[in-house]
Amino acid sequence: MSDDTEAEKKAHNKITVRNYVDSAQLKKDVGYTLVDISGAQAEQAQLFVHYGTLHAKAARQVDNIKLLLENTEAAVYRVLRDKMVAAGEKITEALLDKMVTRHERVTGVKKALNEAKQIEAVAKIAVEGFRHRKDMLVQHGATEREEMKGELVTKLRNSREEDINSLKESYLKRAQQNAA
């Protein structure tokens, strides 16, 4: 069997690995402001689903490249074995395995696999970031509710004090008028 042509080598080495998560956009999306906790809570589920979907796509990409690696290793193994048989060289499985591992087609796919795994890890971290974001939103929301309760209690106390003072003043005025 003949060696790969130059065009075939280039085609095998051009594995496109897609980066699903834009780090700058992720940083914007995972952040929120304490001014608009309600808005951040409202968009939390939507963002979680979005980044969860990106993680699933990145995982699928890893699985697809793993399949490609297996097929590439098998194809290279067959080509090298056939080449050695045609040349009358002694063939051992260990020797063929080493040759397959070092073959540029196989190393190209392995590099693509490593890159895809890194992209999947970033997507997984993004999803985990949104879990943390949810927890923080819940905590900030609870704190905000407690603060509002405190403000309401303070307003209620102030209102009662004003009512009591108003009653006192009107009683004192009536008492002065009755005394006069």
C-alpha atoms as a PDB file:
ATOM      1  CA  MET A   1       0.000   0.000   0.000  1.00  0.00           C
ATOM      2  CA  SER A   2       1.319   3.476  -0.798  1.00  0.00           C
ATOM      3  CA  ASP A   3       2.074   6.321   1.600  1.00  0.00           C
ATOM      4  CA  ASP A   4      -0.413   9.129   2.124  1.00  0.00           C
ATOM      5  CA  THR A   5      -0.126  11.860  -0.454  1.00  0.00           C
ATOM      6  CA  GLU A   6       0.746  15.354   0.752  1.00  0.00           C
ATOM      7  CA  ALA A   7      -2.876  16.465   0.238  1.00  0.00           C
ATOM      8  CA  GLU A   8      -4.153  13.549   2.354  1.00  0.00           C
ATOM      9  CA  LYS A   9      -1.703  14.405   5.144  1.00  0.00           C
ATOM     10  CA  LYS A  10      -2.883  18.018   5.176  1.00  0.00           C
ATOM     11  CA  ALA A  11      -6.507  16.905   5.212  1.00  0.00           C
ATOM     12  CA  HIS A  12      -5.854  14.561   8.140  1.00  0.00           C
ATOM     13  CA  ASN A  13      -4.007  17.236  10.107  1.00  0.00           C
ATOM     14  CA  LYS A  14      -6.778  19.809   9.668  1.00  0.00           C
ATOM     15  CA  ILE A  15      -9.175  18.835  12.397  1.00  0.00           C
ATOM     16  CA  THR A  16     -11.302  21.788  13.311  1.00  0.00           C
ATOM     17  CA  VAL A  17     -11.908  22.129  17.013  1.00  0.00           C
ATOM     18  CA  ARG A  18     -14.618  24.628  17.866  1.00  0.00           C
ATOM     19  CA  ASN A  19     -14.365  26.788  20.962  1.00  0.00           C
ATOM     20  CA  TYR A  20     -17.909  27.011  22.277  1.00  0.00           C
ATOM     21  CA  VAL A  21     -17.364  29.400  25.198  1.00  0.00           C
ATOM     22  CA  ASP A  22     -16.249  32.999  24.718  1.00  0.00           C
ATOM     23  CA  SER A  23     -14.412  33.842  27.951  1.00  0.00           C
ATOM     24  CA  ALA A  24     -15.166  37.566  27.764  1.00  0.00           C
ATOM     25  CA  GLN A  25     -18.891  36.926  27.244  1.00  0.00           C
ATOM     26  CA  LEU A  26     -18.903  34.332  30.017  1.00  0.00           C
ATOM     27  CA  LYS A  27     -17.385  36.866  32.400  1.00  0.00           C
ATOM     28  CA  LYS A  28     -20.133  39.362  31.507  1.00  0.00           C
ATOM     29  CA  ASP A  29     -22.905  36.770  31.746  1.00  0.00           C
ATOM     30  CA  VAL A  30     -21.849  35.310  35.090  1.00  0.00           C
ATOM     31  CA  GLY A  31     -21.619  38.761  36.697  1.00  0.00           C
ATOM     32  CA  TYR A  32     -24.511  40.757  38.081  1.00  0.00           C
ATOM     33  CA  THR A  33     -25.146  43.907  40.029  1.00  0.00           C
ATOM     34  CA  LEU A  34     -26.761  44.191  43.443  1.00  0.00           C
ATOM     35  CA  VAL A  35     -28.917  46.992  42.057  1.00  0.00           C
ATOM     36  CA  ASP A  36     -30.933  44.546  39.937  1.00  0.00           C
ATOM     37  CA  ILE A  37     -31.056  41.247  41.828  1.00  0.00           C
ATOM     38  CA  SER A  38     -34.537  40.520  40.448  1.00  0.00           C
ATOM     39  CA  GLY A  39     -33.348  40.909  36.855  1.00  0.00           C
ATOM     40  CA  ALA A  40     -30.345  38.696  37.488  1.00  0.00           C
ATOM     41  CA  GLN A  41     -32.576  36.058  39.071  1.00  0.00           C
ATOM     42  CA  ALA A  42     -34.954  36.225  36.113  1.00  0.00           C
ATOM     43  CA  GLU A  43     -32.185  35.552  33.582  1.00  0.00           C
ATOM     44  CA  GLN A  44     -30.369  32.904  35.659  1.00  0.00           C
ATOM     45  CA  ALA A  45     -32.218  29.879  34.264  1.00  0.00           C
ATOM     46  CA  GLN A  46     -31.847  31.077  30.678  1.00  0.00           C
ATOM     47  CA  LEU A  47     -28.076  31.548  31.058  1.00  0.00           C
ATOM     48  CA  PHE A  48     -27.692  28.214  32.846  1.00  0.00           C
ATOM     49  CA  VAL A  49     -29.470  26.419  30.002  1.00  0.00           C
ATOM     50  CA  HIS A  50     -27.393  28.283  27.397  1.00  0.00           C
ATOM     51  CA  TYR A  51     -24.049  27.356  28.951  1.00  0.00           C
ATOM     52  CA  GLY A  52     -25.270  23.837  29.756  1.00  0.00           C
ATOM     53  CA  THR A  53     -26.040  23.388  26.059  1.00  0.00           C
ATOM     54  CA  LEU A  54     -22.576  24.669  25.136  1.00  0.00           C
ATOM     55  CA  HIS A  55     -21.064  22.156  27.566  1.00  0.00           C
ATOM     56  CA  ALA A  56     -23.035  19.339  25.947  1.00  0.00           C
ATOM     57  CA  LYS A  57     -21.802  20.401  22.497  1.00  0.00           C
ATOM     58  CA  ALA A  58     -18.209  20.518  23.755  1.00  0.00           C
ATOM     59  CA  ALA A  59     -18.604  17.028  25.251  1.00  0.00           C
ATOM     60  CA  ARG A  60     -20.005  15.742  21.953  1.00  0.00           C
ATOM     61  CA  GLN A  61     -17.011  17.261  20.161  1.00  0.00           C
ATOM     62  CA  VAL A  62     -14.642  15.351  22.486  1.00  0.00           C
ATOM     63  CA  ASP A  63     -16.500  12.103  21.824  1.00  0.00           C
ATOM     64  CA  ASN A  64     -16.395  12.669  18.065  1.00  0.00           C
ATOM     65  CA  ILE A  65     -12.661  13.323  18.101  1.00  0.00           C
ATOM     66  CA  LYS A  66     -12.117  10.201  20.223  1.00  0.00           C
ATOM     67  CA  LEU A  67     -13.878   8.196  17.496  1.00  0.00           C
ATOM     68  CA  LEU A  68     -11.753   9.911  14.872  1.00  0.00           C
ATOM     69  CA  LEU A  69      -8.617   9.045  16.874  1.00  0.00           C
ATOM     70  CA  GLU A  70      -9.595   5.378  17.058  1.00  0.00           C
ATOM     71  CA  ASN A  71     -10.257   5.247  13.313  1.00  0.00           C
ATOM     72  CA  THR A  72      -7.046   7.127  12.515  1.00  0.00           C
ATOM     73  CA  GLU A  73      -4.976   4.782  14.688  1.00  0.00           C
ATOM     74  CA  ALA A  74      -6.540   1.740  13.001  1.00  0.00           C
ATOM     75  CA  ALA A  75      -5.958   3.165   9.515  1.00  0.00           C
ATOM     76  CA  VAL A  76      -2.335   4.091  10.259  1.00  0.00           C
ATOM     77  CA  TYR A  77      -1.747   0.699  11.861  1.00  0.00           C
ATOM     78  CA  ARG A  78      -3.024  -1.044   8.731  1.00  0.00           C
ATOM     79  CA  VAL A  79      -0.963   1.164   6.377  1.00  0.00           C
ATOM     80  CA  LEU A  80       2.245   0.656   8.377  1.00  0.00           C
ATOM     81  CA  ARG A  81       1.702  -3.101   8.718  1.00  0.00           C
ATOM     82  CA  ASP A  82       1.014  -3.487   4.993  1.00  0.00           C
ATOM     83  CA  LYS A  83       4.088  -1.404   4.193  1.00  0.00           C
ATOM     84  CA  MET A  84       6.286  -3.581   6.441  1.00  0.00           C
ATOM     85  CA  VAL A  85       4.845  -6.788   4.968  1.00  0.00           C
ATOM     86  CA  ALA A  86       5.528  -5.524   1.432  1.00  0.00           C
ATOM     87  CA  ALA A  87       9.090  -4.662   2.431  1.00  0.00           C
ATOM     88  CA  GLY A  88       9.547  -8.074   4.063  1.00  0.00           C
ATOM     89  CA  GLU A  89      10.397  -6.540   7.456  1.00  0.00           C
ATOM     90  CA  LYS A  90       9.825  -8.341  10.727  1.00  0.00           C
ATOM     91  CA  ILE A  91       6.586  -7.148  12.320  1.00  0.00           C
ATOM     92  CA  THR A  92       5.868  -7.064  16.031  1.00  0.00           C
ATOM     93  CA  GLU A  93       2.764  -5.630  17.606  1.00  0.00           C
ATOM     94  CA  ALA A  94       4.801  -3.566  20.066  1.00  0.00           C
ATOM     95  CA  LEU A  95       6.828  -2.030  17.226  1.00  0.00           C
ATOM     96  CA  LEU A  96       3.689  -1.215  15.244  1.00  0.00           C
ATOM     97  CA  ASP A  97       2.028   0.301  18.317  1.00  0.00           C
ATOM     98  CA  LYS A  98       5.026   2.593  18.862  1.00  0.00           C
ATOM     99  CA  MET A  99       5.085   3.601  15.209  1.00  0.00           C
ATOM    100  CA  VAL A 100       1.338   4.352  15.252  1.00  0.00           C
ATOM    101  CA  THR A 101       1.692   6.437  18.417  1.00  0.00           C
ATOM    102  CA  ARG A 102       4.410   8.597  16.851  1.00  0.00           C
ATOM    103  CA  HIS A 103       2.755   8.928  13.433  1.00  0.00           C
ATOM    104  CA  GLU A 104       1.958  12.547  12.540  1.00  0.00           C
ATOM    105  CA  ARG A 105      -1.680  11.798  11.659  1.00  0.00           C
ATOM    106  CA  VAL A 106      -2.231  10.225  15.065  1.00  0.00           C
ATOM    107  CA  THR A 107      -0.417  12.984  16.954  1.00  0.00           C
ATOM    108  CA  GLY A 108      -2.441  15.590  15.052  1.00  0.00           C
ATOM    109  CA  VAL A 109      -5.693  13.986  16.153  1.00  0.00           C
ATOM    110  CA  LYS A 110      -4.399  13.627  19.720  1.00  0.00           C
ATOM    111  CA  LYS A 111      -3.558  17.342  19.806  1.00  0.00           C
ATOM    112  CA  ALA A 112      -7.064  18.130  18.562  1.00  0.00           C
ATOM    113  CA  LEU A 113      -8.486  15.831  21.243  1.00  0.00           C
ATOM    114  CA  ASN A 114      -6.480  17.610  23.934  1.00  0.00           C
ATOM    115  CA  GLU A 115      -7.745  20.973  22.701  1.00  0.00           C
ATOM    116  CA  ALA A 116     -11.334  19.695  22.639  1.00  0.00           C
ATOM    117  CA  LYS A 117     -10.957  18.379  26.205  1.00  0.00           C
ATOM    118  CA  GLN A 118      -9.703  21.782  27.315  1.00  0.00           C
ATOM    119  CA  ILE A 119     -12.718  23.459  25.689  1.00  0.00           C
ATOM    120  CA  GLU A 120     -15.033  20.966  27.371  1.00  0.00           C
ATOM    121  CA  ALA A 121     -13.382  21.708  30.737  1.00  0.00           C
ATOM    122  CA  VAL A 122     -13.965  25.439  30.265  1.00  0.00           C
ATOM    123  CA  ALA A 123     -17.615  24.788  29.369  1.00  0.00           C
ATOM    124  CA  LYS A 124     -17.988  22.611  32.459  1.00  0.00           C
ATOM    125  CA  ILE A 125     -16.485  25.371  34.603  1.00  0.00           C
ATOM    126  CA  ALA A 126     -18.943  27.839  33.022  1.00  0.00           C
ATOM    127  CA  VAL A 127     -21.887  25.658  34.053  1.00  0.00           C
ATOM    128  CA  GLU A 128     -20.439  25.330  37.552  1.00  0.00           C
ATOM    129  CA  GLY A 129     -20.030  29.122  37.626  1.00  0.00           C
ATOM    130  CA  PHE A 130     -23.749  29.525  37.013  1.00  0.00           C
ATOM    131  CA  ARG A 131     -24.510  27.130  39.865  1.00  0.00           C
ATOM    132  CA  HIS A 132     -22.421  29.373  42.134  1.00  0.00           C
ATOM    133  CA  ARG A 133     -24.109  32.448  40.661  1.00  0.00           C
ATOM    134  CA  LYS A 134     -27.519  30.996  41.538  1.00  0.00           C
ATOM    135  CA  ASP A 135     -26.417  30.369  45.116  1.00  0.00           C
ATOM    136  CA  MET A 136     -25.108  33.923  45.411  1.00  0.00           C
ATOM    137  CA  LEU A 137     -28.323  35.339  43.934  1.00  0.00           C
ATOM    138  CA  VAL A 138     -30.391  33.376  46.427  1.00  0.00           C
ATOM    139  CA  GLN A 139     -28.217  34.630  49.290  1.00  0.00           C
ATOM    140  CA  HIS A 140     -28.302  38.240  48.113  1.00  0.00           C
ATOM    141  CA  GLY A 141     -32.073  37.974  47.624  1.00  0.00           C
ATOM    142  CA  ALA A 142     -32.515  36.661  51.177  1.00  0.00           C
ATOM    143  CA  THR A 143     -30.313  39.444  52.539  1.00  0.00           C
ATOM    144  CA  GLU A 144     -32.294  42.017  50.567  1.00  0.00           C
ATOM    145  CA  ARG A 145     -35.588  40.648  51.941  1.00  0.00           C
ATOM    146  CA  GLU A 146     -34.252  40.824  55.506  1.00  0.00           C
ATOM    147  CA  GLU A 147     -33.099  44.395  54.922  1.00  0.00           C
ATOM    148  CA  MET A 148     -36.537  45.293  53.537  1.00  0.00           C
ATOM    149  CA  LYS A 149     -38.189  43.690  56.580  1.00  0.00           C
ATOM    150  CA  GLY A 150     -35.947  45.797  58.801  1.00  0.00           C
ATOM    151  CA  GLU A 151     -36.825  48.925  56.850  1.00  0.00           C
ATOM    152  CA  LEU A 152     -40.540  48.097  57.110  1.00  0.00           C
ATOM    153  CA  VAL A 153     -40.255  47.526  60.849  1.00  0.00           C
ATOM    154  CA  THR A 154     -38.417  50.838  61.212  1.00  0.00           C
ATOM    155  CA  LYS A 155     -41.044  52.639  59.106  1.00  0.00           C
ATOM    156  CA  LEU A 156     -43.820  51.016  61.142  1.00  0.00           C
ATOM    157  CA  ARG A 157     -42.172  52.072  64.413  1.00  0.00           C
ATOM    158  CA  ASN A 158     -41.678  55.614  63.125  1.00  0.00           C
ATOM    159  CA  SER A 159     -45.277  55.733  61.946  1.00  0.00           C
ATOM    160  CA  ARG A 160     -46.534  54.507  65.332  1.00  0.00           C
ATOM    161  CA  GLU A 161     -44.341  57.024  67.134  1.00  0.00           C
ATOM    162  CA  GLU A 162     -45.678  59.789  64.910  1.00  0.00           C
ATOM    163  CA  ASP A 163     -49.254  58.629  65.585  1.00  0.00           C
ATOM    164  CA  ILE A 164     -48.599  58.523  69.354  1.00  0.00           C
ATOM    165  CA  ASN A 165     -46.981  61.976  69.253  1.00  0.00           C
ATOM    166  CA  SER A 166     -49.906  63.307  67.242  1.00  0.00           C
ATOM    167  CA  LEU A 167     -52.379  61.837  69.752  1.00  0.00           C
ATOM    168  CA  LYS A 168     -50.379  63.305  72.637  1.00  0.00           C
ATOM    169  CA  GLU A 169     -50.366  66.737  71.016  1.00  0.00           C
ATOM    170  CA  SER A 170     -54.099  66.671  70.310  1.00  0.00           C
ATOM    171  CA  TYR A 171     -54.808  65.448  73.883  1.00  0.00           C
ATOM    172  CA  LEU A 172     -52.623  68.189  75.359  1.00  0.00           C
ATOM    173  CA  LYS A 173     -54.369  70.803  73.196  1.00  0.00           C
ATOM    174  CA  ARG A 174     -57.790  69.557  74.341  1.00  0.00           C
ATOM    175  CA  ALA A 175     -56.631  69.446  77.940  1.00  0.00           C
ATOM    176  CA  GLN A 176     -55.360  73.049  77.663  1.00  0.00           C
ATOM    177  CA  GLN A 177     -58.604  74.152  76.053  1.00  0.00           C
ATOM    178  CA  ASN A 178     -60.665  72.432  78.740  1.00  0.00           C
ATOM    179  CA  ALA A 179     -58.496  73.976  81.462  1.00  0.00           C
ATOM    180  CA  ALA A 180     -58.942  77.467  80.031  1.00  0.00           C
END
